[in-house]
Amino acid sequence: MRIQREQVVRAAWAQVDEIGVEGLTMRSLAQALSIQAPSLYWHFPSKQALLDTMADALLQDVGRATDPAAPWDAVVKGVAGELRRAFLAHRDGARVYAGTFVVSENTLRVSDLLIGALGRAGLKPREAGWAALAVLDYVLGFTLEEQAFGMPQGEAPPVAERLRALATARFPHVAAAVDSLVDPDFDARFAFGLDVFVAGLRGRQVGP
């Protein structure tokens, strides 16, 4: 029976979840699927092509239940939160997506939802496009850091004590804020950053 693209993508994510994106190779994936490499390359001519499709799959469910006529700030916050959860659903999810520039049904659908909401905020198409990219950049950057630490929600990253000791000795402003810098509540930190972002957009708002 011929292998399907969806099977390849699921198997690729299973490998990434187990060994990380750097350990994923076309050869190891073909072995995991019990197929010959040419069968795999028939679907994906390169590892990058596979990663592009994996990135698109991350957005499969993002924004599906969002009302496009909802208040613009609710749409922006809702989509941003769904993007973060999608990236966190797999090991190295943010790294896989960050290494791609995918033009697909899912990426265009999510982009259209964001740009439409930002347009209702009064932004012109150019600004709305930039702002939509900035939303994605914020979510990616935050989630890359979150996944790099690899800590469960509520556990401080391993550099916390070293940062605290060095800051206390030499950097008074960092020392005063050190608890916030190593705060393990990633949910609260994400929400705060998103509030700051939306407040900045609201300051440019000319629409209702």
N, C-alpha and C. Protein backbone atom coordinates (compact mmCIF):
# COMPACT_ATOMS: atom_id res chain seq x y z
N MET A 1 0.85 -1.20 0.00
CA MET A 1 0.00 0.00 0.00
C MET A 1 0.88 1.25 0.00
N ARG A 2 0.55 2.21 -0.85
CA ARG A 2 1.36 3.42 -0.96
C ARG A 2 1.22 4.27 0.30
N ILE A 3 2.36 4.78 0.75
CA ILE A 3 2.36 5.63 1.93
C ILE A 3 1.74 6.99 1.59
N GLN A 4 0.99 7.56 2.52
CA GLN A 4 0.34 8.84 2.32
C GLN A 4 1.13 9.96 2.98
N ARG A 5 1.01 11.17 2.42
CA ARG A 5 1.73 12.31 2.98
C ARG A 5 1.40 12.53 4.45
N GLU A 6 0.14 12.36 4.81
CA GLU A 6 -0.27 12.58 6.20
C GLU A 6 0.43 11.59 7.14
N GLN A 7 0.63 10.36 6.68
CA GLN A 7 1.34 9.37 7.48
C GLN A 7 2.78 9.78 7.69
N VAL A 8 3.38 10.32 6.65
CA VAL A 8 4.78 10.76 6.75
C VAL A 8 4.90 11.88 7.77
N VAL A 9 3.99 12.84 7.70
CA VAL A 9 4.04 13.98 8.62
C VAL A 9 3.85 13.52 10.06
N ARG A 10 2.90 12.63 10.29
CA ARG A 10 2.68 12.12 11.65
C ARG A 10 3.91 11.40 12.17
N ALA A 11 4.52 10.60 11.32
CA ALA A 11 5.72 9.87 11.72
C ALA A 11 6.87 10.82 11.98
N ALA A 12 6.98 11.88 11.19
CA ALA A 12 8.04 12.86 11.38
C ALA A 12 7.88 13.57 12.72
N TRP A 13 6.66 13.94 13.06
CA TRP A 13 6.43 14.59 14.35
C TRP A 13 6.71 13.62 15.50
N ALA A 14 6.40 12.35 15.32
CA ALA A 14 6.68 11.37 16.36
C ALA A 14 8.19 11.28 16.61
N GLN A 15 8.97 11.35 15.52
CA GLN A 15 10.42 11.33 15.68
C GLN A 15 10.93 12.59 16.36
N VAL A 16 10.39 13.73 15.96
CA VAL A 16 10.81 14.99 16.58
C VAL A 16 10.49 14.97 18.07
N ASP A 17 9.30 14.49 18.42
CA ASP A 17 8.92 14.42 19.83
C ASP A 17 9.87 13.53 20.63
N GLU A 18 10.43 12.53 19.96
CA GLU A 18 11.31 11.59 20.65
C GLU A 18 12.76 12.06 20.69
N ILE A 19 13.27 12.58 19.58
CA ILE A 19 14.71 12.87 19.51
C ILE A 19 15.02 14.31 19.13
N GLY A 20 14.03 15.13 18.86
CA GLY A 20 14.27 16.52 18.49
C GLY A 20 14.43 16.69 17.00
N VAL A 21 14.26 17.94 16.56
CA VAL A 21 14.29 18.20 15.12
C VAL A 21 15.67 17.96 14.52
N GLU A 22 16.73 18.16 15.29
CA GLU A 22 18.07 17.93 14.75
C GLU A 22 18.33 16.45 14.47
N GLY A 23 17.63 15.58 15.18
CA GLY A 23 17.82 14.15 14.95
C GLY A 23 16.98 13.59 13.82
N LEU A 24 16.05 14.40 13.32
CA LEU A 24 15.18 13.94 12.23
C LEU A 24 15.95 13.94 10.92
N THR A 25 16.01 12.80 10.26
CA THR A 25 16.61 12.70 8.93
C THR A 25 15.66 11.94 8.02
N MET A 26 15.84 12.15 6.74
CA MET A 26 14.99 11.44 5.79
C MET A 26 15.23 9.94 5.86
N ARG A 27 16.47 9.54 6.10
CA ARG A 27 16.78 8.11 6.18
C ARG A 27 16.12 7.47 7.40
N SER A 28 16.25 8.13 8.57
CA SER A 28 15.65 7.55 9.77
C SER A 28 14.13 7.52 9.67
N LEU A 29 13.56 8.52 9.01
CA LEU A 29 12.11 8.56 8.84
C LEU A 29 11.65 7.43 7.92
N ALA A 30 12.38 7.19 6.84
CA ALA A 30 12.04 6.10 5.93
C ALA A 30 12.11 4.76 6.66
N GLN A 31 13.12 4.61 7.52
CA GLN A 31 13.23 3.36 8.28
C GLN A 31 12.06 3.20 9.24
N ALA A 32 11.66 4.30 9.89
CA ALA A 32 10.55 4.23 10.83
C ALA A 32 9.25 3.85 10.14
N LEU A 33 9.12 4.26 8.87
CA LEU A 33 7.92 3.96 8.10
C LEU A 33 8.02 2.64 7.35
N SER A 34 9.20 2.00 7.45
CA SER A 34 9.45 0.72 6.76
C SER A 34 9.26 0.85 5.26
N ILE A 35 9.81 1.93 4.72
CA ILE A 35 9.75 2.15 3.28
C ILE A 35 11.15 2.48 2.77
N GLN A 36 11.31 2.46 1.48
CA GLN A 36 12.57 2.85 0.87
C GLN A 36 12.61 4.37 0.71
N ALA A 37 13.80 4.92 0.78
CA ALA A 37 13.95 6.38 0.70
C ALA A 37 13.29 6.99 -0.54
N PRO A 38 13.39 6.36 -1.72
CA PRO A 38 12.74 6.95 -2.90
C PRO A 38 11.24 7.18 -2.72
N SER A 39 10.58 6.30 -1.96
CA SER A 39 9.15 6.48 -1.71
C SER A 39 8.89 7.74 -0.90
N LEU A 40 9.81 8.03 0.02
CA LEU A 40 9.68 9.23 0.85
C LEU A 40 9.94 10.48 0.02
N TYR A 41 10.97 10.42 -0.81
CA TYR A 41 11.32 11.59 -1.63
C TYR A 41 10.27 11.86 -2.72
N TRP A 42 9.46 10.89 -3.01
CA TRP A 42 8.38 11.12 -3.97
C TRP A 42 7.40 12.13 -3.42
N HIS A 43 7.19 12.10 -2.09
CA HIS A 43 6.30 13.05 -1.43
C HIS A 43 7.01 14.35 -1.06
N PHE A 44 8.25 14.22 -0.58
CA PHE A 44 9.00 15.38 -0.09
C PHE A 44 10.41 15.33 -0.67
N PRO A 45 10.73 16.23 -1.59
CA PRO A 45 12.03 16.17 -2.26
C PRO A 45 13.20 16.51 -1.35
N SER A 46 12.93 17.06 -0.18
CA SER A 46 14.01 17.43 0.74
C SER A 46 13.47 17.47 2.16
N LYS A 47 14.39 17.52 3.12
CA LYS A 47 13.97 17.65 4.51
C LYS A 47 13.26 18.98 4.72
N GLN A 48 13.71 20.04 4.05
CA GLN A 48 13.07 21.33 4.22
C GLN A 48 11.62 21.30 3.74
N ALA A 49 11.37 20.60 2.65
CA ALA A 49 10.00 20.47 2.16
C ALA A 49 9.13 19.74 3.18
N LEU A 50 9.71 18.75 3.82
CA LEU A 50 8.99 18.04 4.88
C LEU A 50 8.72 18.96 6.06
N LEU A 51 9.73 19.73 6.48
CA LEU A 51 9.55 20.65 7.61
C LEU A 51 8.49 21.71 7.30
N ASP A 52 8.45 22.16 6.05
CA ASP A 52 7.42 23.13 5.66
C ASP A 52 6.02 22.55 5.87
N THR A 53 5.84 21.31 5.48
CA THR A 53 4.54 20.66 5.62
C THR A 53 4.23 20.40 7.09
N MET A 54 5.24 20.04 7.86
CA MET A 54 5.05 19.85 9.30
C MET A 54 4.63 21.17 9.96
N ALA A 55 5.25 22.26 9.53
CA ALA A 55 4.91 23.57 10.08
C ALA A 55 3.47 23.93 9.75
N ASP A 56 3.07 23.66 8.53
CA ASP A 56 1.69 23.93 8.14
C ASP A 56 0.72 23.12 8.98
N ALA A 57 1.07 21.88 9.26
CA ALA A 57 0.19 21.01 10.04
C ALA A 57 -0.03 21.55 11.45
N LEU A 58 0.95 22.28 11.99
CA LEU A 58 0.80 22.85 13.32
C LEU A 58 -0.38 23.81 13.39
N LEU A 59 -0.68 24.48 12.28
CA LEU A 59 -1.74 25.48 12.25
C LEU A 59 -3.10 24.92 11.85
N GLN A 60 -3.17 23.61 11.74
CA GLN A 60 -4.39 22.98 11.23
C GLN A 60 -5.65 23.43 11.98
N ASP A 61 -5.56 23.54 13.30
CA ASP A 61 -6.75 23.85 14.10
C ASP A 61 -6.77 25.29 14.61
N VAL A 62 -5.72 26.06 14.35
CA VAL A 62 -5.65 27.42 14.87
C VAL A 62 -6.70 28.31 14.21
N GLY A 63 -7.48 28.99 15.03
CA GLY A 63 -8.45 29.96 14.53
C GLY A 63 -9.71 29.37 13.95
N ARG A 64 -9.87 28.06 13.99
CA ARG A 64 -11.05 27.43 13.37
C ARG A 64 -12.35 27.90 14.03
N ALA A 65 -12.32 28.06 15.34
CA ALA A 65 -13.53 28.41 16.07
C ALA A 65 -13.66 29.91 16.32
N THR A 66 -12.74 30.69 15.78
CA THR A 66 -12.75 32.13 16.02
C THR A 66 -13.79 32.82 15.14
N ASP A 67 -14.59 33.68 15.77
CA ASP A 67 -15.55 34.48 15.03
C ASP A 67 -14.81 35.65 14.39
N PRO A 68 -14.74 35.71 13.06
CA PRO A 68 -13.98 36.79 12.42
C PRO A 68 -14.57 38.17 12.68
N ALA A 69 -15.81 38.22 13.17
CA ALA A 69 -16.44 39.50 13.47
C ALA A 69 -16.30 39.89 14.94
N ALA A 70 -15.60 39.07 15.72
CA ALA A 70 -15.40 39.38 17.14
C ALA A 70 -14.53 40.62 17.29
N PRO A 71 -14.52 41.26 18.46
CA PRO A 71 -13.66 42.43 18.67
C PRO A 71 -12.21 42.12 18.27
N TRP A 72 -11.57 43.07 17.62
CA TRP A 72 -10.25 42.81 17.04
C TRP A 72 -9.24 42.34 18.07
N ASP A 73 -9.27 42.94 19.28
CA ASP A 73 -8.28 42.56 20.28
C ASP A 73 -8.51 41.14 20.78
N ALA A 74 -9.78 40.72 20.85
CA ALA A 74 -10.07 39.35 21.25
C ALA A 74 -9.56 38.36 20.20
N VAL A 75 -9.69 38.70 18.94
CA VAL A 75 -9.18 37.84 17.87
C VAL A 75 -7.67 37.73 17.96
N VAL A 76 -6.98 38.86 18.12
CA VAL A 76 -5.52 38.85 18.18
C VAL A 76 -5.04 38.01 19.36
N LYS A 77 -5.62 38.23 20.54
CA LYS A 77 -5.21 37.47 21.72
C LYS A 77 -5.56 36.00 21.59
N GLY A 78 -6.74 35.72 21.05
CA GLY A 78 -7.15 34.33 20.91
C GLY A 78 -6.27 33.56 19.94
N VAL A 79 -5.98 34.16 18.79
CA VAL A 79 -5.14 33.48 17.80
C VAL A 79 -3.72 33.32 18.33
N ALA A 80 -3.21 34.35 19.00
CA ALA A 80 -1.86 34.25 19.57
C ALA A 80 -1.78 33.11 20.57
N GLY A 81 -2.79 32.99 21.43
CA GLY A 81 -2.79 31.90 22.40
C GLY A 81 -2.87 30.54 21.74
N GLU A 82 -3.66 30.44 20.68
CA GLU A 82 -3.76 29.16 19.96
C GLU A 82 -2.45 28.83 19.25
N LEU A 83 -1.78 29.84 18.71
CA LEU A 83 -0.49 29.59 18.08
C LEU A 83 0.51 29.04 19.09
N ARG A 84 0.55 29.67 20.28
CA ARG A 84 1.48 29.20 21.31
C ARG A 84 1.18 27.76 21.68
N ARG A 85 -0.08 27.43 21.88
CA ARG A 85 -0.43 26.05 22.24
C ARG A 85 -0.08 25.08 21.13
N ALA A 86 -0.24 25.51 19.89
CA ALA A 86 0.11 24.65 18.75
C ALA A 86 1.61 24.39 18.72
N PHE A 87 2.42 25.43 18.96
CA PHE A 87 3.87 25.25 18.95
C PHE A 87 4.32 24.38 20.13
N LEU A 88 3.64 24.51 21.27
CA LEU A 88 4.02 23.74 22.45
C LEU A 88 3.52 22.30 22.40
N ALA A 89 2.65 22.00 21.45
CA ALA A 89 2.08 20.65 21.37
C ALA A 89 3.13 19.61 20.99
N HIS A 90 4.23 20.05 20.40
CA HIS A 90 5.29 19.14 19.99
C HIS A 90 6.65 19.67 20.46
N ARG A 91 7.53 18.76 20.78
CA ARG A 91 8.90 19.13 21.06
C ARG A 91 9.47 19.87 19.85
N ASP A 92 10.14 20.99 20.11
CA ASP A 92 10.74 21.81 19.04
C ASP A 92 9.72 22.34 18.05
N GLY A 93 8.45 22.42 18.47
CA GLY A 93 7.43 22.93 17.55
C GLY A 93 7.73 24.33 17.05
N ALA A 94 8.17 25.20 17.96
CA ALA A 94 8.49 26.58 17.56
C ALA A 94 9.70 26.61 16.64
N ARG A 95 10.69 25.76 16.90
CA ARG A 95 11.88 25.72 16.05
C ARG A 95 11.54 25.26 14.64
N VAL A 96 10.68 24.27 14.55
CA VAL A 96 10.28 23.79 13.22
C VAL A 96 9.58 24.91 12.45
N TYR A 97 8.66 25.60 13.11
CA TYR A 97 7.92 26.64 12.40
C TYR A 97 8.82 27.83 12.08
N ALA A 98 9.70 28.19 12.99
CA ALA A 98 10.55 29.37 12.79
C ALA A 98 11.50 29.20 11.61
N GLY A 99 11.79 27.98 11.24
CA GLY A 99 12.72 27.75 10.14
C GLY A 99 12.04 27.66 8.79
N THR A 100 10.78 28.10 8.70
CA THR A 100 10.04 27.98 7.45
C THR A 100 9.39 29.31 7.08
N PHE A 101 8.99 29.41 5.84
CA PHE A 101 8.12 30.51 5.39
C PHE A 101 7.10 29.87 4.47
N VAL A 102 6.06 29.33 5.10
CA VAL A 102 5.13 28.48 4.40
C VAL A 102 3.97 29.29 3.82
N VAL A 103 3.71 29.09 2.54
CA VAL A 103 2.52 29.67 1.91
C VAL A 103 1.57 28.51 1.66
N SER A 104 0.53 28.43 2.47
CA SER A 104 -0.38 27.29 2.41
C SER A 104 -1.77 27.72 2.84
N GLU A 105 -2.70 26.82 2.73
CA GLU A 105 -4.09 27.11 3.13
C GLU A 105 -4.16 27.53 4.59
N ASN A 106 -3.46 26.81 5.46
CA ASN A 106 -3.54 27.11 6.89
C ASN A 106 -2.87 28.43 7.24
N THR A 107 -1.68 28.66 6.72
CA THR A 107 -0.99 29.91 7.06
C THR A 107 -1.74 31.11 6.51
N LEU A 108 -2.29 31.00 5.32
CA LEU A 108 -3.04 32.11 4.74
C LEU A 108 -4.35 32.33 5.49
N ARG A 109 -4.99 31.25 5.91
CA ARG A 109 -6.24 31.37 6.66
C ARG A 109 -6.02 32.11 7.98
N VAL A 110 -4.98 31.72 8.72
CA VAL A 110 -4.69 32.37 10.00
C VAL A 110 -4.26 33.82 9.78
N SER A 111 -3.44 34.05 8.76
CA SER A 111 -3.00 35.41 8.46
C SER A 111 -4.18 36.30 8.09
N ASP A 112 -5.10 35.75 7.30
CA ASP A 112 -6.26 36.52 6.88
C ASP A 112 -7.13 36.89 8.08
N LEU A 113 -7.25 35.98 9.02
CA LEU A 113 -8.02 36.24 10.23
C LEU A 113 -7.41 37.38 11.03
N LEU A 114 -6.08 37.33 11.21
CA LEU A 114 -5.39 38.38 11.96
C LEU A 114 -5.44 39.72 11.23
N ILE A 115 -5.13 39.71 9.95
CA ILE A 115 -5.10 40.96 9.20
C ILE A 115 -6.48 41.60 9.14
N GLY A 116 -7.50 40.77 9.01
CA GLY A 116 -8.86 41.29 9.01
C GLY A 116 -9.20 41.96 10.33
N ALA A 117 -8.82 41.33 11.45
CA ALA A 117 -9.09 41.91 12.76
C ALA A 117 -8.33 43.21 12.94
N LEU A 118 -7.07 43.24 12.51
CA LEU A 118 -6.26 44.44 12.66
C LEU A 118 -6.76 45.56 11.75
N GLY A 119 -7.32 45.19 10.63
CA GLY A 119 -7.94 46.19 9.76
C GLY A 119 -9.13 46.84 10.44
N ARG A 120 -9.90 46.03 11.19
CA ARG A 120 -11.04 46.59 11.92
C ARG A 120 -10.59 47.50 13.05
N ALA A 121 -9.34 47.35 13.47
CA ALA A 121 -8.79 48.25 14.49
C ALA A 121 -8.39 49.59 13.89
N GLY A 122 -8.50 49.71 12.58
CA GLY A 122 -8.18 50.97 11.92
C GLY A 122 -6.84 51.00 11.23
N LEU A 123 -6.10 49.87 11.26
CA LEU A 123 -4.80 49.84 10.60
C LEU A 123 -4.98 49.68 9.09
N LYS A 124 -4.14 50.36 8.35
CA LYS A 124 -4.14 50.21 6.90
C LYS A 124 -3.52 48.86 6.55
N PRO A 125 -3.77 48.36 5.33
CA PRO A 125 -3.28 47.02 4.99
C PRO A 125 -1.80 46.81 5.26
N ARG A 126 -0.96 47.82 4.96
CA ARG A 126 0.47 47.65 5.20
C ARG A 126 0.75 47.47 6.69
N GLU A 127 0.15 48.32 7.53
CA GLU A 127 0.35 48.21 8.97
C GLU A 127 -0.26 46.93 9.52
N ALA A 128 -1.43 46.55 9.01
CA ALA A 128 -2.07 45.33 9.47
C ALA A 128 -1.21 44.11 9.15
N GLY A 129 -0.60 44.10 7.97
CA GLY A 129 0.29 43.01 7.60
C GLY A 129 1.51 42.94 8.50
N TRP A 130 2.12 44.10 8.75
CA TRP A 130 3.27 44.13 9.65
C TRP A 130 2.89 43.69 11.05
N ALA A 131 1.74 44.16 11.52
CA ALA A 131 1.30 43.81 12.87
C ALA A 131 1.02 42.31 12.99
N ALA A 132 0.43 41.72 11.95
CA ALA A 132 0.18 40.28 11.97
C ALA A 132 1.48 39.50 12.06
N LEU A 133 2.48 39.95 11.30
CA LEU A 133 3.80 39.31 11.39
C LEU A 133 4.42 39.50 12.77
N ALA A 134 4.19 40.68 13.36
CA ALA A 134 4.74 40.95 14.69
C ALA A 134 4.10 40.05 15.74
N VAL A 135 2.80 39.77 15.59
CA VAL A 135 2.14 38.83 16.49
C VAL A 135 2.82 37.47 16.41
N LEU A 136 3.04 36.99 15.19
CA LEU A 136 3.69 35.70 15.01
C LEU A 136 5.10 35.72 15.57
N ASP A 137 5.83 36.81 15.33
CA ASP A 137 7.20 36.92 15.85
C ASP A 137 7.22 36.86 17.38
N TYR A 138 6.27 37.55 18.00
CA TYR A 138 6.20 37.52 19.47
C TYR A 138 5.94 36.10 19.97
N VAL A 139 4.95 35.44 19.38
CA VAL A 139 4.62 34.09 19.83
C VAL A 139 5.79 33.14 19.61
N LEU A 140 6.41 33.23 18.43
CA LEU A 140 7.55 32.35 18.14
C LEU A 140 8.70 32.60 19.10
N GLY A 141 9.06 33.87 19.29
CA GLY A 141 10.18 34.19 20.17
C GLY A 141 9.92 33.71 21.59
N PHE A 142 8.72 33.97 22.09
CA PHE A 142 8.38 33.55 23.45
C PHE A 142 8.43 32.03 23.57
N THR A 143 7.84 31.34 22.60
CA THR A 143 7.74 29.88 22.69
C THR A 143 9.10 29.22 22.48
N LEU A 144 9.94 29.82 21.63
CA LEU A 144 11.30 29.29 21.48
C LEU A 144 12.03 29.32 22.81
N GLU A 145 11.90 30.43 23.54
CA GLU A 145 12.54 30.53 24.85
C GLU A 145 11.93 29.51 25.82
N GLU A 146 10.61 29.43 25.80
CA GLU A 146 9.92 28.51 26.70
C GLU A 146 10.35 27.07 26.46
N GLN A 147 10.44 26.67 25.19
CA GLN A 147 10.83 25.30 24.88
C GLN A 147 12.32 25.07 25.08
N ALA A 148 13.13 26.13 24.94
CA ALA A 148 14.57 25.97 25.13
C ALA A 148 14.88 25.63 26.58
N PHE A 149 14.13 26.23 27.52
CA PHE A 149 14.35 25.91 28.92
C PHE A 149 13.87 24.49 29.23
N GLY A 150 12.84 24.07 28.52
CA GLY A 150 12.34 22.71 28.70
C GLY A 150 11.80 22.44 30.09
N MET A 151 11.32 23.49 30.77
CA MET A 151 10.85 23.33 32.13
C MET A 151 9.33 23.24 32.16
N PRO A 152 8.78 22.37 33.00
CA PRO A 152 7.32 22.34 33.16
C PRO A 152 6.83 23.66 33.73
N GLN A 153 5.58 23.99 33.46
CA GLN A 153 4.98 25.20 33.98
C GLN A 153 5.14 25.24 35.50
N GLY A 154 5.69 26.35 36.02
CA GLY A 154 5.85 26.52 37.46
C GLY A 154 7.24 26.21 37.98
N GLU A 155 8.14 25.71 37.12
CA GLU A 155 9.51 25.42 37.54
C GLU A 155 10.46 26.43 36.93
N ALA A 156 11.32 27.01 37.77
CA ALA A 156 12.27 28.02 37.31
C ALA A 156 13.33 27.38 36.43
N PRO A 157 13.83 28.12 35.41
CA PRO A 157 14.88 27.58 34.55
C PRO A 157 16.17 27.38 35.34
N PRO A 158 17.05 26.49 34.88
CA PRO A 158 18.26 26.17 35.64
C PRO A 158 19.24 27.32 35.78
N VAL A 159 19.12 28.36 34.95
CA VAL A 159 20.05 29.49 35.05
C VAL A 159 19.62 30.49 36.11
N ALA A 160 18.50 30.24 36.77
CA ALA A 160 17.92 31.23 37.68
C ALA A 160 18.88 31.63 38.78
N GLU A 161 19.47 30.69 39.47
CA GLU A 161 20.34 31.03 40.60
C GLU A 161 21.61 31.72 40.14
N ARG A 162 22.17 31.29 39.01
CA ARG A 162 23.37 31.94 38.48
C ARG A 162 23.07 33.39 38.11
N LEU A 163 21.93 33.62 37.47
CA LEU A 163 21.53 34.96 37.10
C LEU A 163 21.34 35.82 38.33
N ARG A 164 20.71 35.27 39.34
CA ARG A 164 20.45 36.01 40.56
C ARG A 164 21.76 36.42 41.24
N ALA A 165 22.71 35.50 41.32
CA ALA A 165 23.97 35.79 41.98
C ALA A 165 24.78 36.85 41.23
N LEU A 166 24.85 36.72 39.91
CA LEU A 166 25.63 37.66 39.11
C LEU A 166 24.99 39.04 39.10
N ALA A 167 23.68 39.09 38.98
CA ALA A 167 22.99 40.37 38.94
C ALA A 167 23.12 41.10 40.27
N THR A 168 23.00 40.37 41.36
CA THR A 168 23.10 41.00 42.68
C THR A 168 24.46 41.64 42.88
N ALA A 169 25.49 41.01 42.33
CA ALA A 169 26.85 41.51 42.53
C ALA A 169 27.18 42.69 41.64
N ARG A 170 26.62 42.77 40.43
CA ARG A 170 27.13 43.76 39.47
C ARG A 170 26.08 44.60 38.75
N PHE A 171 24.84 44.13 38.68
CA PHE A 171 23.85 44.80 37.84
C PHE A 171 22.59 45.11 38.66
N PRO A 172 22.55 46.29 39.28
CA PRO A 172 21.48 46.59 40.24
C PRO A 172 20.08 46.62 39.64
N HIS A 173 19.93 47.09 38.40
CA HIS A 173 18.60 47.15 37.80
C HIS A 173 18.08 45.75 37.49
N VAL A 174 18.97 44.89 37.01
CA VAL A 174 18.59 43.50 36.77
C VAL A 174 18.27 42.82 38.10
N ALA A 175 19.08 43.12 39.12
CA ALA A 175 18.86 42.51 40.43
C ALA A 175 17.48 42.86 40.98
N ALA A 176 17.04 44.11 40.75
CA ALA A 176 15.74 44.54 41.25
C ALA A 176 14.60 43.81 40.55
N ALA A 177 14.83 43.37 39.32
CA ALA A 177 13.78 42.71 38.54
C ALA A 177 14.04 41.22 38.35
N VAL A 178 15.03 40.68 39.05
CA VAL A 178 15.47 39.32 38.75
C VAL A 178 14.37 38.29 38.96
N ASP A 179 13.50 38.50 39.94
CA ASP A 179 12.43 37.52 40.17
C ASP A 179 11.50 37.43 38.97
N SER A 180 11.25 38.57 38.33
CA SER A 180 10.38 38.55 37.15
C SER A 180 11.09 37.90 35.97
N LEU A 181 12.42 38.07 35.89
CA LEU A 181 13.16 37.52 34.75
C LEU A 181 13.23 36.00 34.79
N VAL A 182 13.16 35.43 35.97
CA VAL A 182 13.22 33.97 36.09
C VAL A 182 11.88 33.38 36.54
N ASP A 183 10.84 34.20 36.46
CA ASP A 183 9.51 33.73 36.87
C ASP A 183 9.11 32.54 36.00
N PRO A 184 8.80 31.40 36.62
CA PRO A 184 8.44 30.21 35.84
C PRO A 184 7.00 30.18 35.36
N ASP A 185 6.24 31.23 35.67
CA ASP A 185 4.84 31.27 35.23
C ASP A 185 4.79 31.79 33.79
N PHE A 186 5.06 30.90 32.84
CA PHE A 186 5.11 31.30 31.44
C PHE A 186 3.75 31.77 30.93
N ASP A 187 2.67 31.21 31.48
CA ASP A 187 1.35 31.65 31.05
C ASP A 187 1.13 33.13 31.37
N ALA A 188 1.48 33.52 32.59
CA ALA A 188 1.30 34.91 32.99
C ALA A 188 2.23 35.83 32.20
N ARG A 189 3.45 35.40 31.98
CA ARG A 189 4.40 36.22 31.22
C ARG A 189 3.92 36.41 29.79
N PHE A 190 3.41 35.34 29.19
CA PHE A 190 2.91 35.44 27.83
C PHE A 190 1.74 36.40 27.75
N ALA A 191 0.81 36.28 28.70
CA ALA A 191 -0.37 37.15 28.71
C ALA A 191 0.03 38.61 28.91
N PHE A 192 1.02 38.86 29.76
CA PHE A 192 1.47 40.23 29.98
C PHE A 192 2.06 40.82 28.70
N GLY A 193 2.93 40.08 28.06
CA GLY A 193 3.54 40.57 26.81
C GLY A 193 2.50 40.82 25.74
N LEU A 194 1.50 39.96 25.68
CA LEU A 194 0.44 40.12 24.69
C LEU A 194 -0.40 41.36 25.01
N ASP A 195 -0.64 41.60 26.30
CA ASP A 195 -1.37 42.82 26.69
C ASP A 195 -0.60 44.07 26.28
N VAL A 196 0.72 44.05 26.48
CA VAL A 196 1.55 45.19 26.08
C VAL A 196 1.47 45.40 24.58
N PHE A 197 1.53 44.31 23.83
CA PHE A 197 1.47 44.38 22.38
C PHE A 197 0.14 44.97 21.93
N VAL A 198 -0.95 44.46 22.48
CA VAL A 198 -2.28 44.94 22.08
C VAL A 198 -2.48 46.38 22.49
N ALA A 199 -1.95 46.77 23.64
CA ALA A 199 -2.05 48.17 24.07
C ALA A 199 -1.33 49.09 23.08
N GLY A 200 -0.21 48.63 22.57
CA GLY A 200 0.51 49.42 21.56
C GLY A 200 -0.29 49.56 20.29
N LEU A 201 -0.93 48.48 19.88
CA LEU A 201 -1.78 48.54 18.70
C LEU A 201 -2.98 49.47 18.94
N ARG A 202 -3.52 49.40 20.15
CA ARG A 202 -4.68 50.24 20.45
C ARG A 202 -4.30 51.73 20.38
N GLY A 203 -3.05 52.03 20.68
CA GLY A 203 -2.60 53.40 20.59
C GLY A 203 -2.54 53.91 19.18
N ARG A 204 -2.48 53.02 18.20
CA ARG A 204 -2.48 53.41 16.79
C ARG A 204 -3.87 53.32 16.19
N GLN A 205 -4.83 52.87 16.97
CA GLN A 205 -6.16 52.58 16.48
C GLN A 205 -6.87 53.87 16.05
N VAL A 206 -7.48 53.81 14.88
CA VAL A 206 -8.28 54.95 14.41
C VAL A 206 -9.72 54.53 14.15
N GLY A 207 -9.96 53.23 14.19
CA GLY A 207 -11.30 52.73 13.97
C GLY A 207 -12.03 52.52 15.27
N PRO A 208 -13.19 51.86 15.27
CA PRO A 208 -13.97 51.65 16.49
C PRO A 208 -13.32 50.63 17.41
